[in-house]
N, C-alpha and C. Protein backbone atom coordinates (compact mmCIF):
# COMPACT_ATOMS: atom_id res chain seq x y z
N MET A 1 64.36 146.46 126.37
CA MET A 1 64.08 145.94 127.70
C MET A 1 64.82 144.62 127.86
N SER A 2 65.49 144.43 128.97
CA SER A 2 66.17 143.16 129.21
C SER A 2 65.15 142.13 129.68
N ASP A 3 65.50 140.87 129.50
CA ASP A 3 64.59 139.78 129.81
C ASP A 3 64.46 139.56 131.32
N PHE A 4 63.30 139.09 131.70
CA PHE A 4 63.03 138.61 133.06
C PHE A 4 62.82 137.12 132.96
N TYR A 5 63.20 136.39 134.01
CA TYR A 5 63.19 134.94 133.94
C TYR A 5 62.38 134.30 135.05
N ILE A 6 61.89 133.10 134.73
CA ILE A 6 61.37 132.18 135.72
C ILE A 6 62.45 131.12 135.87
N TYR A 7 62.83 130.84 137.09
CA TYR A 7 63.88 129.86 137.35
C TYR A 7 63.24 128.56 137.83
N LEU A 8 63.62 127.45 137.18
CA LEU A 8 63.02 126.16 137.50
C LEU A 8 64.08 125.13 137.87
N LYS A 9 63.70 124.23 138.74
CA LYS A 9 64.53 123.07 139.09
C LYS A 9 63.96 121.90 138.29
N VAL A 10 64.77 121.37 137.36
CA VAL A 10 64.33 120.24 136.52
C VAL A 10 65.45 119.21 136.44
N GLU A 11 65.08 118.03 136.01
CA GLU A 11 66.07 116.97 135.78
C GLU A 11 66.97 117.36 134.61
N ASP A 12 68.20 116.85 134.60
CA ASP A 12 69.15 117.18 133.54
C ASP A 12 68.62 116.84 132.15
N TYR A 13 67.98 115.68 132.01
CA TYR A 13 67.50 115.28 130.69
C TYR A 13 66.45 116.25 130.17
N LEU A 14 65.58 116.75 131.05
CA LEU A 14 64.55 117.70 130.63
C LEU A 14 65.17 119.04 130.29
N LYS A 15 66.13 119.46 131.08
CA LYS A 15 66.85 120.72 130.81
C LYS A 15 67.50 120.67 129.42
N ASN A 16 68.22 119.59 129.13
CA ASN A 16 68.89 119.47 127.83
C ASN A 16 67.89 119.43 126.69
N PHE A 17 66.81 118.69 126.87
CA PHE A 17 65.77 118.60 125.84
C PHE A 17 65.18 119.98 125.55
N LEU A 18 64.83 120.71 126.60
CA LEU A 18 64.21 122.02 126.41
C LEU A 18 65.18 123.04 125.81
N GLU A 19 66.42 123.03 126.26
CA GLU A 19 67.39 123.98 125.72
C GLU A 19 67.72 123.67 124.26
N THR A 20 67.71 122.39 123.89
CA THR A 20 67.93 122.02 122.49
C THR A 20 66.78 122.51 121.62
N ASN A 21 65.56 122.43 122.13
CA ASN A 21 64.39 122.81 121.36
C ASN A 21 64.05 124.29 121.42
N PHE A 22 64.28 124.93 122.57
CA PHE A 22 63.80 126.30 122.77
C PHE A 22 64.90 127.30 123.08
N GLY A 23 66.15 126.84 123.13
CA GLY A 23 67.28 127.75 123.38
C GLY A 23 67.62 127.86 124.86
N ASN A 24 68.73 128.55 125.11
CA ASN A 24 69.17 128.80 126.48
C ASN A 24 69.43 130.29 126.61
N PRO A 25 68.57 131.01 127.32
CA PRO A 25 67.42 130.57 128.09
C PRO A 25 66.27 130.14 127.19
N VAL A 26 65.34 129.40 127.77
CA VAL A 26 64.18 128.90 127.03
C VAL A 26 63.29 130.07 126.65
N ARG A 27 62.99 130.17 125.34
CA ARG A 27 62.07 131.19 124.83
C ARG A 27 60.87 130.45 124.25
N LEU A 28 59.72 130.71 124.82
CA LEU A 28 58.51 130.00 124.42
C LEU A 28 57.83 130.65 123.22
N ILE A 29 57.10 129.83 122.50
CA ILE A 29 56.26 130.32 121.42
C ILE A 29 55.13 131.12 122.06
N ARG A 30 54.81 132.24 121.50
CA ARG A 30 53.92 133.22 122.12
C ARG A 30 52.62 132.64 122.68
N ASP A 31 51.91 131.84 121.94
CA ASP A 31 50.60 131.38 122.42
C ASP A 31 50.61 129.88 122.74
N SER A 32 51.77 129.37 123.11
CA SER A 32 51.88 127.94 123.46
C SER A 32 51.18 127.68 124.79
N PRO A 33 50.85 126.42 125.06
CA PRO A 33 50.24 126.10 126.36
C PRO A 33 51.12 126.54 127.54
N GLU A 34 52.43 126.45 127.38
CA GLU A 34 53.34 126.85 128.45
C GLU A 34 53.30 128.36 128.66
N ALA A 35 53.25 129.12 127.58
CA ALA A 35 53.13 130.58 127.71
C ALA A 35 51.80 130.94 128.36
N ARG A 36 50.76 130.17 128.06
CA ARG A 36 49.45 130.42 128.69
C ARG A 36 49.49 130.13 130.19
N ILE A 37 50.23 129.09 130.58
CA ILE A 37 50.39 128.81 132.02
C ILE A 37 51.06 129.99 132.70
N ILE A 38 52.11 130.50 132.07
CA ILE A 38 52.80 131.66 132.65
C ILE A 38 51.84 132.84 132.74
N ARG A 39 51.13 133.14 131.67
CA ARG A 39 50.21 134.28 131.66
C ARG A 39 49.14 134.14 132.75
N GLN A 40 48.67 132.92 132.95
CA GLN A 40 47.62 132.68 133.95
C GLN A 40 48.12 132.87 135.38
N PHE A 41 49.36 132.45 135.65
CA PHE A 41 49.82 132.39 137.04
C PHE A 41 50.91 133.40 137.41
N ILE A 42 51.36 134.20 136.48
CA ILE A 42 52.38 135.20 136.79
C ILE A 42 51.74 136.34 137.58
N THR A 43 52.41 136.77 138.63
CA THR A 43 51.87 137.85 139.45
C THR A 43 53.00 138.80 139.84
N THR A 44 52.63 139.82 140.56
CA THR A 44 53.66 140.67 141.15
C THR A 44 54.24 139.93 142.35
N THR A 45 55.46 140.24 142.69
CA THR A 45 56.10 139.58 143.83
C THR A 45 55.37 139.99 145.11
N PRO A 46 54.88 138.98 145.85
CA PRO A 46 54.18 139.31 147.10
C PRO A 46 55.08 140.04 148.08
N GLU A 47 54.47 140.88 148.87
CA GLU A 47 55.22 141.63 149.87
C GLU A 47 55.89 140.66 150.84
N GLY A 48 57.15 140.92 151.13
CA GLY A 48 57.89 140.09 152.06
C GLY A 48 58.58 138.90 151.42
N VAL A 49 58.35 138.68 150.13
CA VAL A 49 58.99 137.56 149.42
C VAL A 49 60.22 138.10 148.69
N ILE A 50 61.33 137.41 148.86
CA ILE A 50 62.57 137.80 148.18
C ILE A 50 62.48 137.33 146.73
N PRO A 51 62.75 138.21 145.76
CA PRO A 51 62.69 137.80 144.36
C PRO A 51 63.64 136.63 144.07
N ASP A 52 63.19 135.74 143.21
CA ASP A 52 63.97 134.56 142.84
C ASP A 52 65.14 134.98 141.96
N THR A 53 66.34 134.63 142.39
CA THR A 53 67.54 134.96 141.61
C THR A 53 68.13 133.74 140.91
N GLY A 54 67.45 132.62 141.01
CA GLY A 54 67.90 131.43 140.30
C GLY A 54 68.84 130.53 141.07
N ASP A 55 69.10 130.82 142.33
CA ASP A 55 69.98 129.96 143.13
C ASP A 55 69.39 128.56 143.21
N GLY A 56 70.20 127.57 142.81
CA GLY A 56 69.75 126.18 142.87
C GLY A 56 68.85 125.76 141.73
N SER A 57 68.64 126.63 140.78
CA SER A 57 67.78 126.26 139.63
C SER A 57 68.64 125.74 138.49
N ASP A 58 68.01 125.02 137.59
CA ASP A 58 68.70 124.43 136.44
C ASP A 58 68.33 125.09 135.12
N LEU A 59 67.18 125.74 135.08
CA LEU A 59 66.63 126.20 133.81
C LEU A 59 66.08 127.60 133.95
N ARG A 60 66.40 128.44 132.96
CA ARG A 60 65.83 129.79 132.89
C ARG A 60 64.82 129.83 131.76
N VAL A 61 63.65 130.36 132.06
CA VAL A 61 62.60 130.55 131.05
C VAL A 61 62.32 132.04 130.97
N VAL A 62 62.42 132.58 129.76
CA VAL A 62 62.13 134.00 129.56
C VAL A 62 60.64 134.22 129.78
N ILE A 63 60.30 135.20 130.59
CA ILE A 63 58.90 135.55 130.78
C ILE A 63 58.45 136.33 129.55
N PRO A 64 57.49 135.78 128.80
CA PRO A 64 57.01 136.51 127.62
C PRO A 64 56.33 137.81 128.03
N SER A 65 56.35 138.76 127.14
CA SER A 65 55.67 140.02 127.40
C SER A 65 54.21 139.88 126.98
N PHE A 66 53.31 140.15 127.92
CA PHE A 66 51.88 140.09 127.65
C PHE A 66 51.31 141.50 127.79
N LYS A 67 50.32 141.79 126.97
CA LYS A 67 49.70 143.12 127.00
C LYS A 67 49.20 143.46 128.41
N GLU A 68 48.63 142.46 129.07
CA GLU A 68 48.03 142.69 130.38
C GLU A 68 49.00 142.43 131.55
N ALA A 69 50.23 141.97 131.25
CA ALA A 69 51.17 141.64 132.32
C ALA A 69 52.61 141.91 131.88
N ASP A 70 53.07 143.12 132.11
CA ASP A 70 54.43 143.51 131.77
C ASP A 70 55.41 142.77 132.70
N PRO A 71 56.40 142.05 132.14
CA PRO A 71 57.34 141.29 132.99
C PRO A 71 58.14 142.14 133.97
N ARG A 72 58.25 143.43 133.73
CA ARG A 72 58.95 144.29 134.69
C ARG A 72 58.20 144.37 136.02
N THR A 73 56.89 144.15 135.95
CA THR A 73 56.05 144.18 137.15
C THR A 73 55.58 142.79 137.54
N TYR A 74 55.16 142.02 136.54
CA TYR A 74 54.62 140.68 136.77
C TYR A 74 55.72 139.66 136.46
N ASN A 75 56.46 139.28 137.49
CA ASN A 75 57.59 138.37 137.27
C ASN A 75 57.76 137.35 138.38
N TYR A 76 56.67 137.04 139.06
CA TYR A 76 56.72 136.06 140.15
C TYR A 76 55.76 134.90 139.86
N MET A 77 56.28 133.69 140.03
CA MET A 77 55.43 132.50 139.96
C MET A 77 55.64 131.70 141.23
N GLY A 78 54.55 131.29 141.82
CA GLY A 78 54.62 130.49 143.04
C GLY A 78 55.11 129.08 142.75
N ARG A 79 55.39 128.36 143.81
CA ARG A 79 55.94 127.00 143.72
C ARG A 79 55.01 126.07 142.92
N ARG A 80 53.72 126.12 143.19
CA ARG A 80 52.78 125.24 142.48
C ARG A 80 52.63 125.61 141.01
N ALA A 81 52.68 126.90 140.72
CA ALA A 81 52.61 127.34 139.32
C ALA A 81 53.85 126.87 138.56
N LYS A 82 55.00 126.93 139.21
CA LYS A 82 56.23 126.43 138.58
C LYS A 82 56.13 124.93 138.33
N LYS A 83 55.53 124.21 139.26
CA LYS A 83 55.35 122.76 139.10
C LYS A 83 54.44 122.48 137.90
N ALA A 84 53.39 123.27 137.74
CA ALA A 84 52.50 123.11 136.59
C ALA A 84 53.25 123.35 135.27
N LEU A 85 54.15 124.32 135.27
CA LEU A 85 54.95 124.61 134.08
C LEU A 85 55.91 123.46 133.78
N VAL A 86 56.57 122.93 134.80
CA VAL A 86 57.48 121.80 134.61
C VAL A 86 56.70 120.58 134.10
N ASP A 87 55.51 120.34 134.63
CA ASP A 87 54.68 119.22 134.16
C ASP A 87 54.33 119.39 132.67
N SER A 88 54.06 120.60 132.27
CA SER A 88 53.74 120.84 130.87
C SER A 88 54.97 120.61 129.99
N PHE A 89 56.14 121.02 130.46
CA PHE A 89 57.37 120.75 129.72
C PHE A 89 57.62 119.25 129.61
N ASP A 90 57.35 118.52 130.68
CA ASP A 90 57.52 117.07 130.66
C ASP A 90 56.56 116.44 129.64
N HIS A 91 55.38 117.00 129.52
CA HIS A 91 54.42 116.50 128.52
C HIS A 91 54.96 116.69 127.10
N ILE A 92 55.62 117.80 126.85
CA ILE A 92 56.23 118.03 125.53
C ILE A 92 57.25 116.93 125.24
N LEU A 93 58.11 116.65 126.22
CA LEU A 93 59.12 115.61 126.05
C LEU A 93 58.46 114.26 125.74
N LYS A 94 57.44 113.90 126.51
CA LYS A 94 56.76 112.61 126.30
C LYS A 94 56.10 112.54 124.94
N ALA A 95 55.46 113.62 124.51
CA ALA A 95 54.81 113.64 123.21
C ALA A 95 55.83 113.46 122.09
N CYS A 96 56.95 114.13 122.22
CA CYS A 96 58.02 114.01 121.22
C CYS A 96 58.58 112.59 121.22
N LEU A 97 58.79 112.05 122.39
CA LEU A 97 59.30 110.69 122.54
C LEU A 97 58.38 109.68 121.85
N MET A 98 57.09 109.77 122.10
CA MET A 98 56.13 108.84 121.50
C MET A 98 56.02 109.04 119.99
N LYS A 99 56.00 110.28 119.57
CA LYS A 99 55.85 110.57 118.14
C LYS A 99 57.05 110.03 117.36
N GLU A 100 58.24 110.32 117.84
CA GLU A 100 59.43 109.97 117.08
C GLU A 100 59.84 108.51 117.26
N LEU A 101 59.87 108.02 118.49
CA LEU A 101 60.27 106.62 118.70
C LEU A 101 59.14 105.66 118.37
N GLY A 102 57.92 106.06 118.61
CA GLY A 102 56.78 105.20 118.27
C GLY A 102 56.72 104.92 116.78
N ALA A 103 57.01 105.93 115.98
CA ALA A 103 57.01 105.76 114.53
C ALA A 103 58.10 104.78 114.10
N LEU A 104 59.27 104.88 114.74
CA LEU A 104 60.36 103.96 114.41
C LEU A 104 60.04 102.53 114.84
N GLU A 105 59.45 102.40 116.03
CA GLU A 105 59.15 101.06 116.53
C GLU A 105 58.10 100.38 115.66
N ASN A 106 57.14 101.15 115.17
CA ASN A 106 56.10 100.58 114.32
C ASN A 106 56.67 100.05 113.02
N SER A 107 57.81 100.58 112.59
CA SER A 107 58.43 100.09 111.35
C SER A 107 59.24 98.83 111.60
N ARG A 108 59.44 98.50 112.90
CA ARG A 108 60.18 97.30 113.31
C ARG A 108 61.56 97.24 112.66
N ARG A 109 62.26 98.33 112.69
CA ARG A 109 63.60 98.40 112.12
C ARG A 109 64.63 98.62 113.22
N GLY A 110 65.46 97.66 113.47
CA GLY A 110 66.60 97.84 114.37
C GLY A 110 66.27 97.67 115.83
N ASP A 111 67.30 97.85 116.62
CA ASP A 111 67.26 97.69 118.06
C ASP A 111 66.70 98.96 118.71
N LEU A 112 65.64 98.81 119.49
CA LEU A 112 65.00 99.95 120.13
C LEU A 112 65.95 100.69 121.08
N SER A 113 66.81 99.96 121.78
CA SER A 113 67.77 100.61 122.68
C SER A 113 68.67 101.58 121.93
N LYS A 114 69.13 101.17 120.77
CA LYS A 114 69.99 102.06 119.97
C LYS A 114 69.21 103.27 119.48
N GLN A 115 67.94 103.07 119.18
CA GLN A 115 67.11 104.18 118.73
C GLN A 115 66.87 105.18 119.86
N ILE A 116 66.71 104.66 121.08
CA ILE A 116 66.55 105.56 122.23
C ILE A 116 67.83 106.37 122.44
N TYR A 117 69.00 105.72 122.35
CA TYR A 117 70.27 106.46 122.46
C TYR A 117 70.38 107.52 121.36
N ALA A 118 69.98 107.19 120.15
CA ALA A 118 70.05 108.15 119.05
C ALA A 118 69.11 109.33 119.29
N TRP A 119 67.92 109.04 119.81
CA TRP A 119 66.95 110.09 120.11
C TRP A 119 67.53 111.02 121.18
N MET A 120 68.13 110.43 122.20
CA MET A 120 68.73 111.23 123.26
C MET A 120 69.86 112.11 122.72
N GLU A 121 70.66 111.55 121.84
CA GLU A 121 71.77 112.30 121.25
C GLU A 121 71.23 113.49 120.47
N LYS A 122 70.14 113.28 119.74
CA LYS A 122 69.52 114.34 118.94
C LYS A 122 69.13 115.53 119.82
N TYR A 123 68.67 115.27 121.04
CA TYR A 123 68.19 116.32 121.93
C TYR A 123 69.18 116.69 123.03
N GLY A 124 70.43 116.25 122.89
CA GLY A 124 71.47 116.65 123.84
C GLY A 124 71.31 116.06 125.23
N ILE A 125 70.63 114.94 125.32
CA ILE A 125 70.41 114.30 126.62
C ILE A 125 71.57 113.35 126.90
N PRO A 126 72.23 113.48 128.05
CA PRO A 126 73.40 112.64 128.33
C PRO A 126 73.03 111.16 128.48
N GLU A 127 73.99 110.30 128.13
CA GLU A 127 73.78 108.85 128.20
C GLU A 127 73.40 108.36 129.58
N GLU A 128 73.82 109.09 130.62
CA GLU A 128 73.49 108.68 131.99
C GLU A 128 71.98 108.66 132.23
N SER A 129 71.23 109.34 131.38
CA SER A 129 69.77 109.41 131.53
C SER A 129 69.05 108.33 130.74
N TRP A 130 69.80 107.38 130.14
CA TRP A 130 69.18 106.38 129.28
C TRP A 130 68.09 105.59 130.00
N TYR A 131 68.36 105.14 131.21
CA TYR A 131 67.38 104.33 131.93
C TYR A 131 66.09 105.11 132.15
N THR A 132 66.20 106.36 132.56
CA THR A 132 65.03 107.21 132.80
C THR A 132 64.22 107.40 131.53
N ILE A 133 64.90 107.74 130.44
CA ILE A 133 64.21 107.98 129.18
C ILE A 133 63.58 106.69 128.67
N SER A 134 64.31 105.58 128.74
CA SER A 134 63.76 104.31 128.24
C SER A 134 62.54 103.91 129.06
N GLN A 135 62.57 104.10 130.38
CA GLN A 135 61.41 103.75 131.20
C GLN A 135 60.22 104.66 130.89
N LYS A 136 60.48 105.94 130.65
CA LYS A 136 59.39 106.83 130.25
C LYS A 136 58.75 106.31 128.97
N TYR A 137 59.60 105.94 128.01
CA TYR A 137 59.06 105.46 126.74
C TYR A 137 58.28 104.16 126.92
N TYR A 138 58.83 103.21 127.66
CA TYR A 138 58.16 101.92 127.85
C TYR A 138 56.83 102.09 128.56
N ARG A 139 56.76 103.00 129.54
CA ARG A 139 55.49 103.24 130.24
C ARG A 139 54.46 103.87 129.31
N LEU A 140 54.91 104.83 128.52
CA LEU A 140 53.99 105.46 127.56
C LEU A 140 53.49 104.45 126.54
N ARG A 141 54.38 103.63 126.05
CA ARG A 141 54.02 102.62 125.06
C ARG A 141 53.02 101.63 125.66
N ARG A 142 53.30 101.18 126.88
CA ARG A 142 52.39 100.22 127.54
C ARG A 142 51.01 100.84 127.71
N LYS A 143 50.95 102.08 128.16
CA LYS A 143 49.67 102.78 128.34
C LYS A 143 48.93 102.90 127.01
N TYR A 144 49.66 103.27 125.96
CA TYR A 144 49.06 103.39 124.64
C TYR A 144 48.50 102.05 124.17
N LEU A 145 49.28 100.98 124.33
CA LEU A 145 48.83 99.66 123.87
C LEU A 145 47.61 99.18 124.66
N ILE A 146 47.59 99.43 125.96
CA ILE A 146 46.43 99.04 126.77
C ILE A 146 45.20 99.81 126.33
N GLU A 147 45.33 101.11 126.13
CA GLU A 147 44.19 101.92 125.70
C GLU A 147 43.72 101.52 124.30
N LYS A 148 44.67 101.22 123.41
CA LYS A 148 44.34 100.81 122.05
C LYS A 148 43.58 99.48 122.08
N ASN A 149 44.08 98.51 122.85
CA ASN A 149 43.40 97.22 122.95
C ASN A 149 42.04 97.35 123.60
N HIS A 150 41.92 98.21 124.61
CA HIS A 150 40.64 98.43 125.27
C HIS A 150 39.63 98.99 124.27
N ALA A 151 40.06 99.93 123.45
CA ALA A 151 39.17 100.52 122.45
C ALA A 151 38.75 99.48 121.42
N LEU A 152 39.68 98.61 121.03
CA LEU A 152 39.33 97.56 120.07
C LEU A 152 38.26 96.64 120.60
N PHE A 153 38.41 96.21 121.85
CA PHE A 153 37.44 95.29 122.45
C PHE A 153 36.12 95.98 122.73
N LYS A 154 36.18 97.27 123.05
CA LYS A 154 34.97 98.03 123.36
C LYS A 154 34.12 98.20 122.10
N ASN A 155 34.75 98.32 120.95
CA ASN A 155 34.02 98.54 119.69
C ASN A 155 33.50 97.25 119.09
N ASN A 156 33.91 96.11 119.60
CA ASN A 156 33.45 94.83 119.06
C ASN A 156 32.29 94.28 119.83
């Protein structure tokens, strides 16, 4: 059986990150949260809706085969369901960013800007996205530090 796809519009940095980690097209781990989102919201194409052929999309995601939802029949995701899937993919990127760069920053070794460039290089993210990625990291770090400090004061 040939693959069926969900077509998504995503930022270039997210596209490169996902294709580096999951291939092109993106193939999800069977029981991952993202595969569960697809299983929950995949439906048959509503009557009168033209099937999505990927025009204007940046990313193809293979629709996993589920016992209760054969992709030959169940291959439509609405706009909001696609947004939920993109949000989940963005969460993967943020978690990876915090895990890998946070560990380096805690060791206080070297220039953080260079480490962000190296992280981007590892995941095939173009240098033009440096500002976006660095701001994502700085916001996540700030949120983590605020929550950490709040917990410290709350426990005292």
